[in-house]
N, C-alpha and C. Protein backbone atom coordinates (compact mmCIF):
# COMPACT_ATOMS: atom_id res chain seq x y z
N MET A 1 20.22 20.65 -24.37
CA MET A 1 19.20 20.74 -23.34
C MET A 1 19.35 19.55 -22.38
N LYS A 2 19.09 19.79 -21.09
CA LYS A 2 19.25 18.74 -20.09
C LYS A 2 18.17 17.67 -20.22
N LYS A 3 18.51 16.47 -19.76
CA LYS A 3 17.52 15.40 -19.74
C LYS A 3 16.49 15.69 -18.66
N ALA A 4 15.28 15.22 -18.87
CA ALA A 4 14.21 15.42 -17.89
C ALA A 4 14.46 14.51 -16.69
N VAL A 5 14.13 15.01 -15.52
CA VAL A 5 14.18 14.18 -14.32
C VAL A 5 12.97 13.26 -14.38
N THR A 6 13.18 11.97 -14.17
CA THR A 6 12.10 11.01 -14.37
C THR A 6 11.58 10.43 -13.07
N LEU A 7 10.33 10.01 -13.12
CA LEU A 7 9.72 9.25 -12.04
C LEU A 7 10.06 7.79 -12.28
N LYS A 8 10.49 7.10 -11.24
CA LYS A 8 10.89 5.71 -11.41
C LYS A 8 10.13 4.76 -10.50
N LYS A 9 9.77 5.22 -9.31
CA LYS A 9 9.23 4.33 -8.29
C LYS A 9 7.72 4.12 -8.48
N ASN A 10 7.28 2.90 -8.20
CA ASN A 10 5.89 2.53 -8.36
C ASN A 10 4.98 3.39 -7.49
N HIS A 11 5.40 3.69 -6.25
CA HIS A 11 4.54 4.48 -5.37
C HIS A 11 4.35 5.90 -5.87
N GLU A 12 5.33 6.43 -6.62
CA GLU A 12 5.18 7.77 -7.19
C GLU A 12 4.11 7.77 -8.29
N PHE A 13 4.12 6.74 -9.11
CA PHE A 13 3.10 6.61 -10.15
C PHE A 13 1.72 6.41 -9.53
N ARG A 14 1.62 5.54 -8.53
CA ARG A 14 0.33 5.27 -7.89
C ARG A 14 -0.23 6.53 -7.22
N ARG A 15 0.64 7.33 -6.61
CA ARG A 15 0.19 8.57 -5.97
C ARG A 15 -0.40 9.52 -7.02
N LEU A 16 0.24 9.62 -8.16
CA LEU A 16 -0.28 10.48 -9.22
C LEU A 16 -1.61 9.97 -9.76
N TYR A 17 -1.73 8.66 -9.96
CA TYR A 17 -2.98 8.11 -10.46
C TYR A 17 -4.10 8.34 -9.47
N GLY A 18 -3.80 8.20 -8.17
CA GLY A 18 -4.83 8.31 -7.16
C GLY A 18 -5.20 9.73 -6.79
N LYS A 19 -4.20 10.59 -6.63
CA LYS A 19 -4.46 11.93 -6.09
C LYS A 19 -4.22 13.06 -7.08
N GLY A 20 -3.72 12.74 -8.25
CA GLY A 20 -3.40 13.79 -9.21
C GLY A 20 -4.59 14.15 -10.08
N ALA A 21 -4.47 15.30 -10.74
CA ALA A 21 -5.48 15.73 -11.71
C ALA A 21 -5.15 15.06 -13.04
N SER A 22 -6.18 14.83 -13.87
CA SER A 22 -5.92 14.18 -15.15
C SER A 22 -6.72 14.85 -16.26
N ALA A 23 -6.21 14.69 -17.46
CA ALA A 23 -6.89 15.15 -18.68
C ALA A 23 -6.59 14.12 -19.76
N ALA A 24 -7.62 13.75 -20.51
CA ALA A 24 -7.47 12.71 -21.53
C ALA A 24 -7.76 13.26 -22.91
N GLY A 25 -6.94 12.84 -23.86
CA GLY A 25 -7.14 13.19 -25.26
C GLY A 25 -7.19 11.92 -26.08
N SER A 26 -7.18 12.06 -27.39
CA SER A 26 -7.29 10.88 -28.25
C SER A 26 -6.00 10.06 -28.27
N GLY A 27 -4.85 10.69 -28.06
CA GLY A 27 -3.59 9.98 -28.14
C GLY A 27 -2.90 9.73 -26.82
N LEU A 28 -3.25 10.51 -25.80
CA LEU A 28 -2.57 10.35 -24.52
C LEU A 28 -3.43 10.85 -23.38
N VAL A 29 -3.03 10.46 -22.17
CA VAL A 29 -3.64 10.93 -20.94
C VAL A 29 -2.51 11.54 -20.10
N ILE A 30 -2.76 12.68 -19.48
CA ILE A 30 -1.77 13.31 -18.61
C ILE A 30 -2.31 13.33 -17.19
N TYR A 31 -1.51 12.82 -16.27
CA TYR A 31 -1.78 12.95 -14.84
C TYR A 31 -0.74 13.90 -14.28
N CYS A 32 -1.16 14.82 -13.41
CA CYS A 32 -0.19 15.74 -12.83
C CYS A 32 -0.54 16.04 -11.38
N ARG A 33 0.47 16.43 -10.64
CA ARG A 33 0.31 16.81 -9.24
C ARG A 33 1.49 17.69 -8.87
N LYS A 34 1.23 18.69 -8.06
CA LYS A 34 2.29 19.59 -7.60
C LYS A 34 3.27 18.81 -6.72
N ASN A 35 4.55 19.06 -6.89
CA ASN A 35 5.54 18.49 -5.98
C ASN A 35 6.21 19.63 -5.23
N ARG A 36 7.00 19.32 -4.26
CA ARG A 36 7.64 20.37 -3.47
C ARG A 36 9.07 20.63 -3.94
N LEU A 37 9.39 20.15 -5.10
CA LEU A 37 10.71 20.38 -5.70
C LEU A 37 10.61 21.60 -6.59
N GLY A 38 11.70 22.12 -7.00
CA GLY A 38 11.68 23.30 -7.86
C GLY A 38 11.65 22.97 -9.34
N HIS A 39 11.49 21.70 -9.68
CA HIS A 39 11.53 21.29 -11.08
C HIS A 39 10.47 20.23 -11.35
N ASN A 40 10.25 19.98 -12.63
CA ASN A 40 9.28 18.97 -13.04
C ASN A 40 9.92 17.60 -13.09
N ARG A 41 9.10 16.58 -12.85
CA ARG A 41 9.54 15.20 -13.04
C ARG A 41 8.54 14.54 -13.98
N LEU A 42 9.05 13.69 -14.85
CA LEU A 42 8.23 13.09 -15.90
C LEU A 42 8.27 11.57 -15.80
N GLY A 43 7.11 10.96 -15.99
CA GLY A 43 7.01 9.51 -16.11
C GLY A 43 6.21 9.20 -17.36
N VAL A 44 6.57 8.14 -18.06
CA VAL A 44 5.86 7.74 -19.27
C VAL A 44 5.50 6.28 -19.14
N THR A 45 4.23 5.96 -19.38
CA THR A 45 3.81 4.56 -19.33
C THR A 45 3.11 4.18 -20.64
N VAL A 46 3.36 2.95 -21.04
CA VAL A 46 2.76 2.41 -22.25
C VAL A 46 2.34 0.99 -21.94
N SER A 47 1.08 0.66 -22.16
CA SER A 47 0.55 -0.67 -21.86
C SER A 47 1.06 -1.70 -22.87
N THR A 48 1.15 -2.94 -22.42
CA THR A 48 1.55 -4.02 -23.34
C THR A 48 0.45 -4.28 -24.36
N LYS A 49 -0.75 -3.78 -24.13
CA LYS A 49 -1.85 -3.94 -25.08
C LYS A 49 -1.59 -3.16 -26.37
N LEU A 50 -0.70 -2.18 -26.30
CA LEU A 50 -0.42 -1.34 -27.46
C LEU A 50 0.30 -2.09 -28.57
N GLY A 51 1.11 -3.07 -28.19
CA GLY A 51 1.84 -3.81 -29.21
C GLY A 51 3.11 -4.41 -28.63
N ASN A 52 4.00 -4.83 -29.52
CA ASN A 52 5.25 -5.43 -29.06
C ASN A 52 6.21 -4.35 -28.57
N ALA A 53 7.40 -4.75 -28.17
CA ALA A 53 8.36 -3.83 -27.56
C ALA A 53 8.75 -2.70 -28.50
N VAL A 54 8.85 -2.99 -29.78
CA VAL A 54 9.23 -1.96 -30.75
C VAL A 54 8.18 -0.86 -30.79
N VAL A 55 6.91 -1.25 -30.83
CA VAL A 55 5.81 -0.29 -30.89
C VAL A 55 5.73 0.51 -29.59
N ARG A 56 5.87 -0.16 -28.46
CA ARG A 56 5.80 0.52 -27.16
C ARG A 56 6.94 1.51 -26.99
N ASN A 57 8.14 1.13 -27.39
CA ASN A 57 9.28 2.03 -27.27
C ASN A 57 9.14 3.24 -28.19
N ARG A 58 8.57 3.03 -29.36
CA ARG A 58 8.35 4.14 -30.29
C ARG A 58 7.36 5.13 -29.68
N ALA A 59 6.29 4.63 -29.09
CA ALA A 59 5.31 5.50 -28.43
C ALA A 59 5.96 6.25 -27.27
N ARG A 60 6.79 5.56 -26.51
CA ARG A 60 7.48 6.18 -25.37
C ARG A 60 8.42 7.29 -25.85
N ARG A 61 9.17 7.03 -26.90
CA ARG A 61 10.08 8.04 -27.44
C ARG A 61 9.33 9.27 -27.94
N ARG A 62 8.20 9.03 -28.61
CA ARG A 62 7.40 10.15 -29.14
C ARG A 62 6.87 11.03 -28.01
N LEU A 63 6.40 10.41 -26.92
CA LEU A 63 5.87 11.19 -25.80
C LEU A 63 6.98 11.96 -25.08
N ARG A 64 8.13 11.32 -24.90
CA ARG A 64 9.25 12.03 -24.26
C ARG A 64 9.71 13.21 -25.10
N GLU A 65 9.73 13.04 -26.42
CA GLU A 65 10.15 14.12 -27.31
C GLU A 65 9.13 15.26 -27.30
N THR A 66 7.87 14.92 -27.24
CA THR A 66 6.82 15.94 -27.14
C THR A 66 7.02 16.78 -25.89
N TYR A 67 7.30 16.12 -24.78
CA TYR A 67 7.56 16.84 -23.53
C TYR A 67 8.82 17.70 -23.66
N ARG A 68 9.88 17.12 -24.21
CA ARG A 68 11.15 17.83 -24.30
C ARG A 68 11.03 19.12 -25.11
N LEU A 69 10.32 19.05 -26.23
CA LEU A 69 10.19 20.23 -27.09
C LEU A 69 9.33 21.32 -26.47
N ASN A 70 8.43 20.97 -25.56
CA ASN A 70 7.53 21.95 -24.96
C ASN A 70 7.87 22.26 -23.51
N GLN A 71 8.95 21.73 -23.02
CA GLN A 71 9.30 21.88 -21.61
C GLN A 71 9.55 23.34 -21.23
N HIS A 72 10.01 24.16 -22.15
CA HIS A 72 10.24 25.57 -21.84
C HIS A 72 8.94 26.33 -21.62
N LEU A 73 7.81 25.78 -22.04
CA LEU A 73 6.50 26.42 -21.86
C LEU A 73 5.83 26.00 -20.55
N MET A 74 6.40 25.00 -19.87
CA MET A 74 5.74 24.40 -18.71
C MET A 74 6.08 25.13 -17.42
N ARG A 75 5.11 25.15 -16.52
CA ARG A 75 5.37 25.63 -15.16
C ARG A 75 6.25 24.61 -14.46
N GLN A 76 7.01 25.07 -13.49
CA GLN A 76 7.91 24.19 -12.76
C GLN A 76 7.28 23.75 -11.44
N GLY A 77 7.71 22.60 -10.94
CA GLY A 77 7.24 22.11 -9.66
C GLY A 77 6.09 21.11 -9.76
N TYR A 78 6.05 20.33 -10.85
CA TYR A 78 4.98 19.35 -11.03
C TYR A 78 5.56 17.98 -11.34
N ASP A 79 4.86 16.94 -10.87
CA ASP A 79 5.11 15.58 -11.31
C ASP A 79 4.08 15.29 -12.40
N MET A 80 4.53 14.68 -13.50
CA MET A 80 3.62 14.37 -14.60
C MET A 80 3.83 12.94 -15.06
N VAL A 81 2.73 12.29 -15.39
CA VAL A 81 2.80 10.98 -16.03
C VAL A 81 2.04 11.08 -17.34
N LEU A 82 2.70 10.70 -18.43
CA LEU A 82 2.07 10.64 -19.73
C LEU A 82 1.76 9.18 -20.03
N VAL A 83 0.50 8.89 -20.30
CA VAL A 83 0.08 7.53 -20.61
C VAL A 83 -0.30 7.48 -22.08
N ALA A 84 0.37 6.63 -22.83
CA ALA A 84 0.11 6.52 -24.26
C ALA A 84 -1.16 5.72 -24.50
N ARG A 85 -1.98 6.22 -25.40
CA ARG A 85 -3.15 5.47 -25.86
C ARG A 85 -2.79 4.86 -27.22
N HIS A 86 -3.65 3.97 -27.68
CA HIS A 86 -3.38 3.23 -28.90
C HIS A 86 -3.10 4.16 -30.09
N ARG A 87 -3.78 5.28 -30.14
CA ARG A 87 -3.65 6.18 -31.26
C ARG A 87 -2.30 6.91 -31.29
N ALA A 88 -1.61 7.00 -30.16
CA ALA A 88 -0.34 7.74 -30.09
C ALA A 88 0.74 7.14 -30.97
N VAL A 89 0.62 5.87 -31.30
CA VAL A 89 1.65 5.19 -32.09
C VAL A 89 1.70 5.73 -33.51
N ASN A 90 0.54 5.89 -34.14
CA ASN A 90 0.51 6.31 -35.55
C ASN A 90 -0.02 7.71 -35.77
N MET A 91 -0.28 8.44 -34.69
CA MET A 91 -0.81 9.80 -34.80
C MET A 91 0.22 10.71 -35.46
N PRO A 92 -0.20 11.59 -36.37
CA PRO A 92 0.76 12.54 -36.95
C PRO A 92 1.40 13.39 -35.87
N TRP A 93 2.66 13.76 -36.09
CA TRP A 93 3.43 14.46 -35.06
C TRP A 93 2.76 15.76 -34.62
N GLY A 94 2.30 16.56 -35.56
CA GLY A 94 1.67 17.83 -35.22
C GLY A 94 0.42 17.65 -34.37
N GLU A 95 -0.33 16.62 -34.67
CA GLU A 95 -1.56 16.35 -33.91
C GLU A 95 -1.23 15.90 -32.48
N LEU A 96 -0.20 15.07 -32.33
CA LEU A 96 0.21 14.62 -31.00
C LEU A 96 0.71 15.80 -30.17
N ASN A 97 1.49 16.66 -30.78
CA ASN A 97 2.02 17.83 -30.10
C ASN A 97 0.89 18.78 -29.69
N ALA A 98 -0.06 19.00 -30.59
CA ALA A 98 -1.20 19.87 -30.29
C ALA A 98 -2.05 19.29 -29.17
N SER A 99 -2.22 17.99 -29.17
CA SER A 99 -2.99 17.32 -28.12
C SER A 99 -2.30 17.48 -26.76
N PHE A 100 -0.97 17.32 -26.75
CA PHE A 100 -0.21 17.50 -25.51
C PHE A 100 -0.37 18.92 -24.96
N LEU A 101 -0.25 19.91 -25.83
CA LEU A 101 -0.37 21.31 -25.41
C LEU A 101 -1.78 21.62 -24.91
N LYS A 102 -2.78 21.08 -25.59
CA LYS A 102 -4.17 21.32 -25.20
C LYS A 102 -4.45 20.74 -23.81
N LEU A 103 -4.00 19.51 -23.59
CA LEU A 103 -4.23 18.86 -22.30
C LEU A 103 -3.42 19.53 -21.19
N SER A 104 -2.21 19.96 -21.50
CA SER A 104 -1.39 20.67 -20.51
C SER A 104 -2.04 21.98 -20.12
N GLY A 105 -2.59 22.68 -21.09
CA GLY A 105 -3.30 23.92 -20.82
C GLY A 105 -4.53 23.70 -19.96
N LYS A 106 -5.23 22.61 -20.22
CA LYS A 106 -6.42 22.27 -19.45
C LYS A 106 -6.08 22.03 -17.98
N LEU A 107 -4.92 21.45 -17.74
CA LEU A 107 -4.48 21.15 -16.37
C LEU A 107 -3.76 22.33 -15.71
N GLY A 108 -3.54 23.41 -16.46
CA GLY A 108 -2.85 24.57 -15.91
C GLY A 108 -1.35 24.39 -15.80
N LEU A 109 -0.78 23.56 -16.65
CA LEU A 109 0.65 23.29 -16.62
C LEU A 109 1.46 24.27 -17.46
N LEU A 110 0.81 25.04 -18.31
CA LEU A 110 1.52 25.97 -19.18
C LEU A 110 1.67 27.32 -18.52
N GLU A 111 2.82 27.96 -18.74
CA GLU A 111 3.05 29.31 -18.22
C GLU A 111 2.09 30.27 -18.91
N GLU A 112 1.66 31.28 -18.19
CA GLU A 112 0.80 32.30 -18.79
C GLU A 112 1.63 33.17 -19.72
N ALA A 113 1.06 33.55 -20.83
CA ALA A 113 1.78 34.41 -21.78
C ALA A 113 1.93 35.82 -21.17
N LEU A 114 3.11 36.35 -21.31
CA LEU A 114 3.36 37.69 -20.79
C LEU A 114 2.97 38.73 -21.82
N GLY A 115 2.28 39.77 -21.34
CA GLY A 115 1.93 40.89 -22.22
C GLY A 115 0.89 40.53 -23.16
């Protein structure tokens, strides 16, 4: 599977925080906004308050993997930022995945089921 196209620039993150829609759960917050590209772009942020570099990188990897496994269910043409909360570090995998899907559904990021 291809790597996700990522958001890198500060102004892209600020635009999403300011003008994007958001949904918050116990382990993460999702900000999203429609883009004019034909594909999704992903950004992941983790605060230094969460812990040292090892803990932050683990949270980042878990969020990226959650997105990667569910990317085939997502609508295309959105910019998304996943913000890790403190609970995302030790949250069971199934619970984190369910939380991501629930929040994505709330924001209308999931494709409608056919039939």
